[in-house]
Amino acid sequence: MAQDLIRRATRALRRQGAFLSGVMLTQSEEKRAAEAAQFWSESENNETIKDKSHWRGFGRYADDDVWLKIGHTRLHELESLLALAGRGPAQSMIEWGPGGGSNAVALAPTMQKFYGVDISQANLDECGRQLRSVGFTNYDPVLVDPANIDLVKDACLAGIEPVDFFLSVAVFQHFPSKAFGLEILSLANRLMKPDGVALIQIRYDDGSIRMRAKNSNYRENAMFFTSYKIDEFWIAAEERGFRPLALKLMPEVCYAYYFLAKAGSQAT
């Protein structure tokens, strides 16, 4: 009886990636990335994932006003960012993780060029459909596989011209690791023009178990998988060629919004 209880407890610990004999049981980076790609690709036919990917008409976004408010908020944040950077309107942008297009429909019509980068073809297709519904056609979707960061970089550097504005909201928290997020932060800087600006939101680690960065069981932890300390990400941005301009916090959900300019660009 005791041995049976021990075996069951051990299996439970392994499933949770808990400490066992002083060693953390973790999944490989490649396995976590593959699980992330599989999870978000299910937006094609899974209504729960459509909701999590901000698809219009599903889950929380059955209320169209709620869906439209997302993009209106981003538009106001972009205006604030441009003012902080002391530069004129952005003409081109990348959204890393456009999902169902809630940000794109508000921002793209103010641009000449819009790039969407995602690990889900279904999300890229839906974003394109929503953009066409508002008459915007200068949209280039870029599908990437998070299991190979070198191929991610190659696809983006080959297919994207430098842009004025880089946006990523409600995405870094879903990355398969903190290291992957920092690679994308570096890549974002390379994809921006010398006077480019960026708005990047992360989930910050407040010290609780729920908000702590995870290293296994992606499907169970997708909403809270990757997080950073607030100052950790600020410093990481500086080290990767950004000049932080402002920070906005939403403590109720541990969201931190970083308003960034490319280092070397100065307000005029």
C-alpha atoms as a PDB file:
ATOM      1  CA  MET A   1       0.000   0.000   0.000  1.00  0.00           C
ATOM      2  CA  ALA A   2       2.741   2.459   0.977  1.00  0.00           C
ATOM      3  CA  GLN A   3       4.756   1.620  -2.142  1.00  0.00           C
ATOM      4  CA  ASP A   4       1.694   2.193  -4.314  1.00  0.00           C
ATOM      5  CA  LEU A   5       1.162   5.634  -2.760  1.00  0.00           C
ATOM      6  CA  ILE A   6       4.808   6.506  -3.350  1.00  0.00           C
ATOM      7  CA  ARG A   7       4.591   5.454  -7.011  1.00  0.00           C
ATOM      8  CA  ARG A   8       1.460   7.554  -7.546  1.00  0.00           C
ATOM      9  CA  ALA A   9       3.000  10.571  -5.809  1.00  0.00           C
ATOM     10  CA  THR A  10       6.136  10.245  -7.927  1.00  0.00           C
ATOM     11  CA  ARG A  11       4.103  10.168 -11.140  1.00  0.00           C
ATOM     12  CA  ALA A  12       2.202  13.265 -10.016  1.00  0.00           C
ATOM     13  CA  LEU A  13       5.440  15.114  -9.279  1.00  0.00           C
ATOM     14  CA  ARG A  14       6.810  14.232 -12.696  1.00  0.00           C
ATOM     15  CA  ARG A  15       3.683  15.500 -14.419  1.00  0.00           C
ATOM     16  CA  GLN A  16       3.996  18.801 -12.563  1.00  0.00           C
ATOM     17  CA  GLY A  17       7.701  19.212 -13.303  1.00  0.00           C
ATOM     18  CA  ALA A  18       8.345  19.443  -9.573  1.00  0.00           C
ATOM     19  CA  PHE A  19      11.598  18.923  -7.691  1.00  0.00           C
ATOM     20  CA  LEU A  20      12.519  15.264  -7.399  1.00  0.00           C
ATOM     21  CA  SER A  21      15.713  14.256  -5.572  1.00  0.00           C
ATOM     22  CA  GLY A  22      16.923  17.843  -5.859  1.00  0.00           C
ATOM     23  CA  VAL A  23      16.621  17.958  -9.673  1.00  0.00           C
ATOM     24  CA  MET A  24      13.976  19.948 -11.551  1.00  0.00           C
ATOM     25  CA  LEU A  25      12.250  17.793 -14.148  1.00  0.00           C
ATOM     26  CA  THR A  26      11.911  19.980 -17.230  1.00  0.00           C
ATOM     27  CA  GLN A  27      10.996  19.586 -20.863  1.00  0.00           C
ATOM     28  CA  SER A  28      13.432  20.406 -23.620  1.00  0.00           C
ATOM     29  CA  GLU A  29      13.177  23.771 -25.342  1.00  0.00           C
ATOM     30  CA  GLU A  30      12.231  21.986 -28.568  1.00  0.00           C
ATOM     31  CA  LYS A  31       9.381  20.061 -26.940  1.00  0.00           C
ATOM     32  CA  ARG A  32       7.975  23.179 -25.275  1.00  0.00           C
ATOM     33  CA  ALA A  33       8.136  25.051 -28.576  1.00  0.00           C
ATOM     34  CA  ALA A  34       6.419  22.205 -30.407  1.00  0.00           C
ATOM     35  CA  GLU A  35       3.658  22.129 -27.795  1.00  0.00           C
ATOM     36  CA  ALA A  36       3.212  25.904 -28.135  1.00  0.00           C
ATOM     37  CA  ALA A  37       2.930  25.657 -31.920  1.00  0.00           C
ATOM     38  CA  GLN A  38       0.395  22.845 -31.645  1.00  0.00           C
ATOM     39  CA  PHE A  39      -1.639  24.676 -28.999  1.00  0.00           C
ATOM     40  CA  TRP A  40      -2.030  27.939 -30.926  1.00  0.00           C
ATOM     41  CA  SER A  41      -2.551  26.250 -34.292  1.00  0.00           C
ATOM     42  CA  GLU A  42      -5.741  24.800 -32.825  1.00  0.00           C
ATOM     43  CA  SER A  43      -7.352  28.205 -33.301  1.00  0.00           C
ATOM     44  CA  GLU A  44      -8.382  26.779 -36.678  1.00  0.00           C
ATOM     45  CA  ASN A  45     -11.144  24.669 -35.142  1.00  0.00           C
ATOM     46  CA  ASN A  46     -11.131  25.129 -31.357  1.00  0.00           C
ATOM     47  CA  GLU A  47     -13.410  27.877 -30.098  1.00  0.00           C
ATOM     48  CA  THR A  48     -11.555  28.147 -26.780  1.00  0.00           C
ATOM     49  CA  ILE A  49      -8.280  28.812 -28.586  1.00  0.00           C
ATOM     50  CA  LYS A  50     -10.048  31.278 -30.894  1.00  0.00           C
ATOM     51  CA  ASP A  51     -11.097  33.195 -27.780  1.00  0.00           C
ATOM     52  CA  LYS A  52      -7.562  33.101 -26.376  1.00  0.00           C
ATOM     53  CA  SER A  53      -6.283  34.311 -29.780  1.00  0.00           C
ATOM     54  CA  HIS A  54      -8.730  37.242 -29.803  1.00  0.00           C
ATOM     55  CA  TRP A  55     -10.907  36.104 -32.703  1.00  0.00           C
ATOM     56  CA  ARG A  56     -13.903  38.301 -33.398  1.00  0.00           C
ATOM     57  CA  GLY A  57     -17.212  36.724 -32.410  1.00  0.00           C
ATOM     58  CA  PHE A  58     -15.855  34.001 -30.107  1.00  0.00           C
ATOM     59  CA  GLY A  59     -15.909  33.744 -26.314  1.00  0.00           C
ATOM     60  CA  ARG A  60     -15.230  37.114 -24.707  1.00  0.00           C
ATOM     61  CA  TYR A  61     -15.347  38.699 -28.142  1.00  0.00           C
ATOM     62  CA  ALA A  62     -18.888  37.709 -28.997  1.00  0.00           C
ATOM     63  CA  ASP A  63     -19.454  41.293 -27.842  1.00  0.00           C
ATOM     64  CA  ASP A  64     -18.064  43.272 -30.772  1.00  0.00           C
ATOM     65  CA  ASP A  65     -17.510  46.379 -28.677  1.00  0.00           C
ATOM     66  CA  VAL A  66     -15.128  44.417 -26.425  1.00  0.00           C
ATOM     67  CA  TRP A  67     -13.182  43.206 -29.460  1.00  0.00           C
ATOM     68  CA  LEU A  68     -12.964  46.651 -31.063  1.00  0.00           C
ATOM     69  CA  LYS A  69     -11.844  48.245 -27.800  1.00  0.00           C
ATOM     70  CA  ILE A  70      -8.591  46.263 -27.937  1.00  0.00           C
ATOM     71  CA  GLY A  71      -7.459  47.960 -31.130  1.00  0.00           C
ATOM     72  CA  HIS A  72      -8.647  51.386 -30.027  1.00  0.00           C
ATOM     73  CA  THR A  73      -6.514  51.027 -26.882  1.00  0.00           C
ATOM     74  CA  ARG A  74      -3.449  50.114 -28.967  1.00  0.00           C
ATOM     75  CA  LEU A  75      -4.040  53.110 -31.231  1.00  0.00           C
ATOM     76  CA  HIS A  76      -3.997  55.468 -28.258  1.00  0.00           C
ATOM     77  CA  GLU A  77      -0.862  53.769 -26.907  1.00  0.00           C
ATOM     78  CA  LEU A  78       0.869  54.192 -30.268  1.00  0.00           C
ATOM     79  CA  GLU A  79       0.026  57.901 -30.255  1.00  0.00           C
ATOM     80  CA  SER A  80       1.536  58.214 -26.775  1.00  0.00           C
ATOM     81  CA  LEU A  81       4.615  56.260 -27.832  1.00  0.00           C
ATOM     82  CA  LEU A  82       5.232  58.468 -30.871  1.00  0.00           C
ATOM     83  CA  ALA A  83       4.885  61.572 -28.712  1.00  0.00           C
ATOM     84  CA  LEU A  84       7.339  60.191 -26.151  1.00  0.00           C
ATOM     85  CA  ALA A  85       9.819  59.426 -28.920  1.00  0.00           C
ATOM     86  CA  GLY A  86       9.315  62.859 -30.491  1.00  0.00           C
ATOM     87  CA  ARG A  87       8.757  61.468 -33.955  1.00  0.00           C
ATOM     88  CA  GLY A  88       6.082  61.675 -36.620  1.00  0.00           C
ATOM     89  CA  PRO A  89       3.498  59.060 -37.620  1.00  0.00           C
ATOM     90  CA  ALA A  90       4.564  55.473 -38.235  1.00  0.00           C
ATOM     91  CA  GLN A  91       4.141  54.286 -41.825  1.00  0.00           C
ATOM     92  CA  SER A  92       4.966  50.605 -41.395  1.00  0.00           C
ATOM     93  CA  MET A  93       4.713  48.064 -38.602  1.00  0.00           C
ATOM     94  CA  ILE A  94       5.121  44.481 -37.454  1.00  0.00           C
ATOM     95  CA  GLU A  95       2.751  42.841 -35.042  1.00  0.00           C
ATOM     96  CA  TRP A  96       4.297  39.784 -33.449  1.00  0.00           C
ATOM     97  CA  GLY A  97       1.328  37.566 -32.694  1.00  0.00           C
ATOM     98  CA  PRO A  98      -1.624  39.326 -34.383  1.00  0.00           C
ATOM     99  CA  GLY A  99      -4.010  36.513 -33.474  1.00  0.00           C
ATOM    100  CA  GLY A 100      -7.474  37.270 -34.771  1.00  0.00           C
ATOM    101  CA  GLY A 101      -6.603  40.802 -35.861  1.00  0.00           C
ATOM    102  CA  SER A 102      -8.070  42.900 -33.039  1.00  0.00           C
ATOM    103  CA  ASN A 103      -5.086  45.256 -33.013  1.00  0.00           C
ATOM    104  CA  ALA A 104      -4.529  45.063 -36.749  1.00  0.00           C
ATOM    105  CA  VAL A 105      -7.933  46.420 -37.785  1.00  0.00           C
ATOM    106  CA  ALA A 106      -7.318  49.609 -35.801  1.00  0.00           C
ATOM    107  CA  LEU A 107      -3.634  50.115 -36.569  1.00  0.00           C
ATOM    108  CA  ALA A 108      -3.090  48.831 -40.121  1.00  0.00           C
ATOM    109  CA  PRO A 109      -5.340  51.423 -41.816  1.00  0.00           C
ATOM    110  CA  THR A 110      -3.030  54.128 -40.426  1.00  0.00           C
ATOM    111  CA  MET A 111      -0.029  52.394 -42.060  1.00  0.00           C
ATOM    112  CA  GLN A 112       1.246  51.837 -45.569  1.00  0.00           C
ATOM    113  CA  LYS A 113       2.559  48.366 -44.707  1.00  0.00           C
ATOM    114  CA  PHE A 114       1.595  45.794 -42.073  1.00  0.00           C
ATOM    115  CA  TYR A 115       3.488  42.574 -41.297  1.00  0.00           C
ATOM    116  CA  GLY A 116       1.986  39.883 -39.092  1.00  0.00           C
ATOM    117  CA  VAL A 117       4.243  37.212 -37.567  1.00  0.00           C
ATOM    118  CA  ASP A 118       2.625  34.214 -35.908  1.00  0.00           C
ATOM    119  CA  ILE A 119       3.133  30.510 -35.191  1.00  0.00           C
ATOM    120  CA  SER A 120      -0.451  29.779 -36.263  1.00  0.00           C
ATOM    121  CA  GLN A 121      -1.443  29.837 -39.933  1.00  0.00           C
ATOM    122  CA  ALA A 122      -5.093  30.010 -38.890  1.00  0.00           C
ATOM    123  CA  ASN A 123      -4.407  33.192 -36.920  1.00  0.00           C
ATOM    124  CA  LEU A 124      -2.563  34.773 -39.838  1.00  0.00           C
ATOM    125  CA  ASP A 125      -5.423  33.908 -42.172  1.00  0.00           C
ATOM    126  CA  GLU A 126      -8.035  35.315 -39.804  1.00  0.00           C
ATOM    127  CA  CYS A 127      -6.028  38.502 -39.317  1.00  0.00           C
ATOM    128  CA  GLY A 128      -5.903  38.892 -43.112  1.00  0.00           C
ATOM    129  CA  ARG A 129      -9.646  38.345 -43.376  1.00  0.00           C
ATOM    130  CA  GLN A 130     -10.336  41.031 -40.797  1.00  0.00           C
ATOM    131  CA  LEU A 131      -7.975  43.454 -42.540  1.00  0.00           C
ATOM    132  CA  ARG A 132      -9.707  42.904 -45.859  1.00  0.00           C
ATOM    133  CA  SER A 133     -13.017  43.659 -44.146  1.00  0.00           C
ATOM    134  CA  VAL A 134     -11.757  47.204 -43.431  1.00  0.00           C
ATOM    135  CA  GLY A 135     -10.270  47.591 -46.908  1.00  0.00           C
ATOM    136  CA  PHE A 136      -6.599  47.089 -46.013  1.00  0.00           C
ATOM    137  CA  THR A 137      -4.684  44.825 -48.396  1.00  0.00           C
ATOM    138  CA  ASN A 138      -0.981  45.658 -47.929  1.00  0.00           C
ATOM    139  CA  TYR A 139      -0.549  42.844 -45.419  1.00  0.00           C
ATOM    140  CA  ASP A 140       2.300  40.332 -45.418  1.00  0.00           C
ATOM    141  CA  PRO A 141       1.830  37.321 -43.108  1.00  0.00           C
ATOM    142  CA  VAL A 142       4.939  35.495 -41.887  1.00  0.00           C
ATOM    143  CA  LEU A 143       4.542  32.008 -40.410  1.00  0.00           C
ATOM    144  CA  VAL A 144       7.332  30.900 -38.064  1.00  0.00           C
ATOM    145  CA  ASP A 145       8.172  27.697 -36.196  1.00  0.00           C
ATOM    146  CA  PRO A 146       9.247  28.428 -32.596  1.00  0.00           C
ATOM    147  CA  ALA A 147      11.144  25.128 -32.434  1.00  0.00           C
ATOM    148  CA  ASN A 148      13.977  26.626 -34.490  1.00  0.00           C
ATOM    149  CA  ILE A 149      14.941  30.173 -33.524  1.00  0.00           C
ATOM    150  CA  ASP A 150      17.493  30.411 -36.342  1.00  0.00           C
ATOM    151  CA  LEU A 151      14.797  29.710 -38.927  1.00  0.00           C
ATOM    152  CA  VAL A 152      12.543  32.258 -37.204  1.00  0.00           C
ATOM    153  CA  LYS A 153      15.252  34.891 -37.602  1.00  0.00           C
ATOM    154  CA  ASP A 154      15.966  33.907 -41.209  1.00  0.00           C
ATOM    155  CA  ALA A 155      12.294  34.070 -42.193  1.00  0.00           C
ATOM    156  CA  CYS A 156      11.825  37.498 -40.647  1.00  0.00           C
ATOM    157  CA  LEU A 157      15.055  39.081 -41.829  1.00  0.00           C
ATOM    158  CA  ALA A 158      14.482  37.800 -45.367  1.00  0.00           C
ATOM    159  CA  GLY A 159      10.801  38.665 -45.603  1.00  0.00           C
ATOM    160  CA  ILE A 160      10.413  41.915 -43.680  1.00  0.00           C
ATOM    161  CA  GLU A 161      11.694  45.372 -44.571  1.00  0.00           C
ATOM    162  CA  PRO A 162      12.692  47.523 -41.562  1.00  0.00           C
ATOM    163  CA  VAL A 163       9.636  49.118 -39.968  1.00  0.00           C
ATOM    164  CA  ASP A 164       8.728  52.184 -37.934  1.00  0.00           C
ATOM    165  CA  PHE A 165       6.780  50.327 -35.269  1.00  0.00           C
ATOM    166  CA  PHE A 166       7.054  46.914 -33.595  1.00  0.00           C
ATOM    167  CA  LEU A 167       4.110  45.698 -31.537  1.00  0.00           C
ATOM    168  CA  SER A 168       3.684  42.615 -29.385  1.00  0.00           C
ATOM    169  CA  VAL A 169       0.884  42.480 -26.818  1.00  0.00           C
ATOM    170  CA  ALA A 170      -0.379  39.384 -24.975  1.00  0.00           C
ATOM    171  CA  VAL A 171       2.259  37.228 -26.679  1.00  0.00           C
ATOM    172  CA  PHE A 172       5.541  37.191 -24.702  1.00  0.00           C
ATOM    173  CA  GLN A 173       3.712  35.483 -21.811  1.00  0.00           C
ATOM    174  CA  HIS A 174       2.933  32.574 -24.151  1.00  0.00           C
ATOM    175  CA  PHE A 175       6.475  32.049 -25.428  1.00  0.00           C
ATOM    176  CA  PRO A 176       8.009  28.624 -24.710  1.00  0.00           C
ATOM    177  CA  SER A 177      10.812  30.103 -22.600  1.00  0.00           C
ATOM    178  CA  LYS A 178      12.308  33.313 -21.276  1.00  0.00           C
ATOM    179  CA  ALA A 179      15.327  32.777 -23.526  1.00  0.00           C
ATOM    180  CA  PHE A 180      13.086  32.566 -26.590  1.00  0.00           C
ATOM    181  CA  GLY A 181      11.458  35.853 -25.611  1.00  0.00           C
ATOM    182  CA  LEU A 182      14.829  37.560 -25.331  1.00  0.00           C
ATOM    183  CA  GLU A 183      15.805  36.267 -28.774  1.00  0.00           C
ATOM    184  CA  ILE A 184      12.625  37.850 -30.176  1.00  0.00           C
ATOM    185  CA  LEU A 185      13.422  41.076 -28.326  1.00  0.00           C
ATOM    186  CA  SER A 186      16.812  41.195 -30.067  1.00  0.00           C
ATOM    187  CA  LEU A 187      15.227  40.354 -33.415  1.00  0.00           C
ATOM    188  CA  ALA A 188      12.636  43.105 -32.962  1.00  0.00           C
ATOM    189  CA  ASN A 189      15.414  45.661 -32.704  1.00  0.00           C
ATOM    190  CA  ARG A 190      17.007  44.393 -35.912  1.00  0.00           C
ATOM    191  CA  LEU A 191      13.683  44.650 -37.740  1.00  0.00           C
ATOM    192  CA  MET A 192      13.184  48.319 -36.841  1.00  0.00           C
ATOM    193  CA  LYS A 193      14.339  51.445 -38.642  1.00  0.00           C
ATOM    194  CA  PRO A 194      16.959  53.592 -36.858  1.00  0.00           C
ATOM    195  CA  ASP A 195      14.215  55.845 -35.462  1.00  0.00           C
ATOM    196  CA  GLY A 196      11.783  53.002 -34.856  1.00  0.00           C
ATOM    197  CA  VAL A 197       9.636  52.547 -31.765  1.00  0.00           C
ATOM    198  CA  ALA A 198       8.203  49.494 -30.038  1.00  0.00           C
ATOM    199  CA  LEU A 199       5.432  48.607 -27.625  1.00  0.00           C
ATOM    200  CA  ILE A 200       5.967  45.260 -25.916  1.00  0.00           C
ATOM    201  CA  GLN A 201       3.839  43.811 -23.132  1.00  0.00           C
ATOM    202  CA  ILE A 202       4.954  41.031 -20.826  1.00  0.00           C
ATOM    203  CA  ARG A 203       3.496  39.186 -17.863  1.00  0.00           C
ATOM    204  CA  TYR A 204       5.667  40.137 -14.898  1.00  0.00           C
ATOM    205  CA  ASP A 205       6.737  37.830 -12.098  1.00  0.00           C
ATOM    206  CA  ASP A 206       5.252  39.135  -8.841  1.00  0.00           C
ATOM    207  CA  GLY A 207       6.792  36.362  -6.762  1.00  0.00           C
ATOM    208  CA  SER A 208       3.719  34.145  -6.745  1.00  0.00           C
ATOM    209  CA  ILE A 209       3.763  30.559  -7.988  1.00  0.00           C
ATOM    210  CA  ARG A 210       1.111  31.346 -10.588  1.00  0.00           C
ATOM    211  CA  MET A 211       3.128  34.136 -12.198  1.00  0.00           C
ATOM    212  CA  ARG A 212       6.493  32.397 -12.008  1.00  0.00           C
ATOM    213  CA  ALA A 213       8.022  31.355 -15.358  1.00  0.00           C
ATOM    214  CA  LYS A 214       7.316  27.699 -16.176  1.00  0.00           C
ATOM    215  CA  ASN A 215       9.439  25.030 -17.855  1.00  0.00           C
ATOM    216  CA  SER A 216       7.022  22.162 -18.537  1.00  0.00           C
ATOM    217  CA  ASN A 217       3.390  21.273 -19.242  1.00  0.00           C
ATOM    218  CA  TYR A 218       2.856  24.021 -21.804  1.00  0.00           C
ATOM    219  CA  ARG A 219      -0.790  23.237 -22.517  1.00  0.00           C
ATOM    220  CA  GLU A 220      -1.734  23.452 -18.838  1.00  0.00           C
ATOM    221  CA  ASN A 221       0.263  26.641 -18.266  1.00  0.00           C
ATOM    222  CA  ALA A 222      -0.013  28.452 -21.607  1.00  0.00           C
ATOM    223  CA  MET A 223      -1.655  31.574 -20.174  1.00  0.00           C
ATOM    224  CA  PHE A 224       1.105  32.076 -17.602  1.00  0.00           C
ATOM    225  CA  PHE A 225       4.044  30.238 -19.112  1.00  0.00           C
ATOM    226  CA  THR A 226       6.705  32.941 -19.421  1.00  0.00           C
ATOM    227  CA  SER A 227       7.285  35.938 -17.187  1.00  0.00           C
ATOM    228  CA  TYR A 228      10.073  38.320 -16.236  1.00  0.00           C
ATOM    229  CA  LYS A 229      10.818  40.575 -13.315  1.00  0.00           C
ATOM    230  CA  ILE A 230       9.921  44.163 -14.238  1.00  0.00           C
ATOM    231  CA  ASP A 231      13.480  45.459 -13.959  1.00  0.00           C
ATOM    232  CA  GLU A 232      14.857  42.309 -15.618  1.00  0.00           C
ATOM    233  CA  PHE A 233      12.999  43.011 -18.859  1.00  0.00           C
ATOM    234  CA  TRP A 234      13.819  46.741 -18.751  1.00  0.00           C
ATOM    235  CA  ILE A 235      17.537  45.928 -18.493  1.00  0.00           C
ATOM    236  CA  ALA A 236      17.237  43.229 -21.181  1.00  0.00           C
ATOM    237  CA  ALA A 237      15.691  45.788 -23.541  1.00  0.00           C
ATOM    238  CA  GLU A 238      18.546  48.222 -22.916  1.00  0.00           C
ATOM    239  CA  GLU A 239      21.115  45.483 -23.500  1.00  0.00           C
ATOM    240  CA  ARG A 240      19.479  44.653 -26.837  1.00  0.00           C
ATOM    241  CA  GLY A 241      19.541  48.135 -28.288  1.00  0.00           C
ATOM    242  CA  PHE A 242      16.423  49.806 -26.920  1.00  0.00           C
ATOM    243  CA  ARG A 243      15.933  53.049 -25.052  1.00  0.00           C
ATOM    244  CA  PRO A 244      13.047  52.642 -22.586  1.00  0.00           C
ATOM    245  CA  LEU A 245      10.755  55.666 -22.596  1.00  0.00           C
ATOM    246  CA  ALA A 246       7.961  54.675 -20.231  1.00  0.00           C
ATOM    247  CA  LEU A 247       6.386  51.776 -18.396  1.00  0.00           C
ATOM    248  CA  LYS A 248       2.693  51.075 -17.748  1.00  0.00           C
ATOM    249  CA  LEU A 249       1.623  48.450 -15.223  1.00  0.00           C
ATOM    250  CA  MET A 250      -1.658  46.585 -14.792  1.00  0.00           C
ATOM    251  CA  PRO A 251      -1.124  44.886 -11.400  1.00  0.00           C
ATOM    252  CA  GLU A 252      -4.467  43.060 -11.458  1.00  0.00           C
ATOM    253  CA  VAL A 253      -3.154  40.830 -14.269  1.00  0.00           C
ATOM    254  CA  CYS A 254       0.607  41.408 -13.815  1.00  0.00           C
ATOM    255  CA  TYR A 255       0.929  43.107 -17.219  1.00  0.00           C
ATOM    256  CA  ALA A 256       3.825  45.455 -17.929  1.00  0.00           C
ATOM    257  CA  TYR A 257       3.838  47.567 -21.098  1.00  0.00           C
ATOM    258  CA  TYR A 258       7.254  48.825 -22.231  1.00  0.00           C
ATOM    259  CA  PHE A 259       7.299  51.912 -24.448  1.00  0.00           C
ATOM    260  CA  LEU A 260      10.620  51.698 -26.292  1.00  0.00           C
ATOM    261  CA  ALA A 261      12.642  53.549 -28.894  1.00  0.00           C
ATOM    262  CA  LYS A 262      15.620  52.215 -30.767  1.00  0.00           C
ATOM    263  CA  ALA A 263      18.813  53.287 -29.007  1.00  0.00           C
ATOM    264  CA  GLY A 264      20.498  56.175 -30.777  1.00  0.00           C
ATOM    265  CA  SER A 265      17.201  57.789 -31.788  1.00  0.00           C
ATOM    266  CA  GLN A 266      16.521  60.970 -29.826  1.00  0.00           C
ATOM    267  CA  ALA A 267      13.396  63.030 -29.278  1.00  0.00           C
ATOM    268  CA  THR A 268      13.349  66.226 -31.324  1.00  0.00           C
END
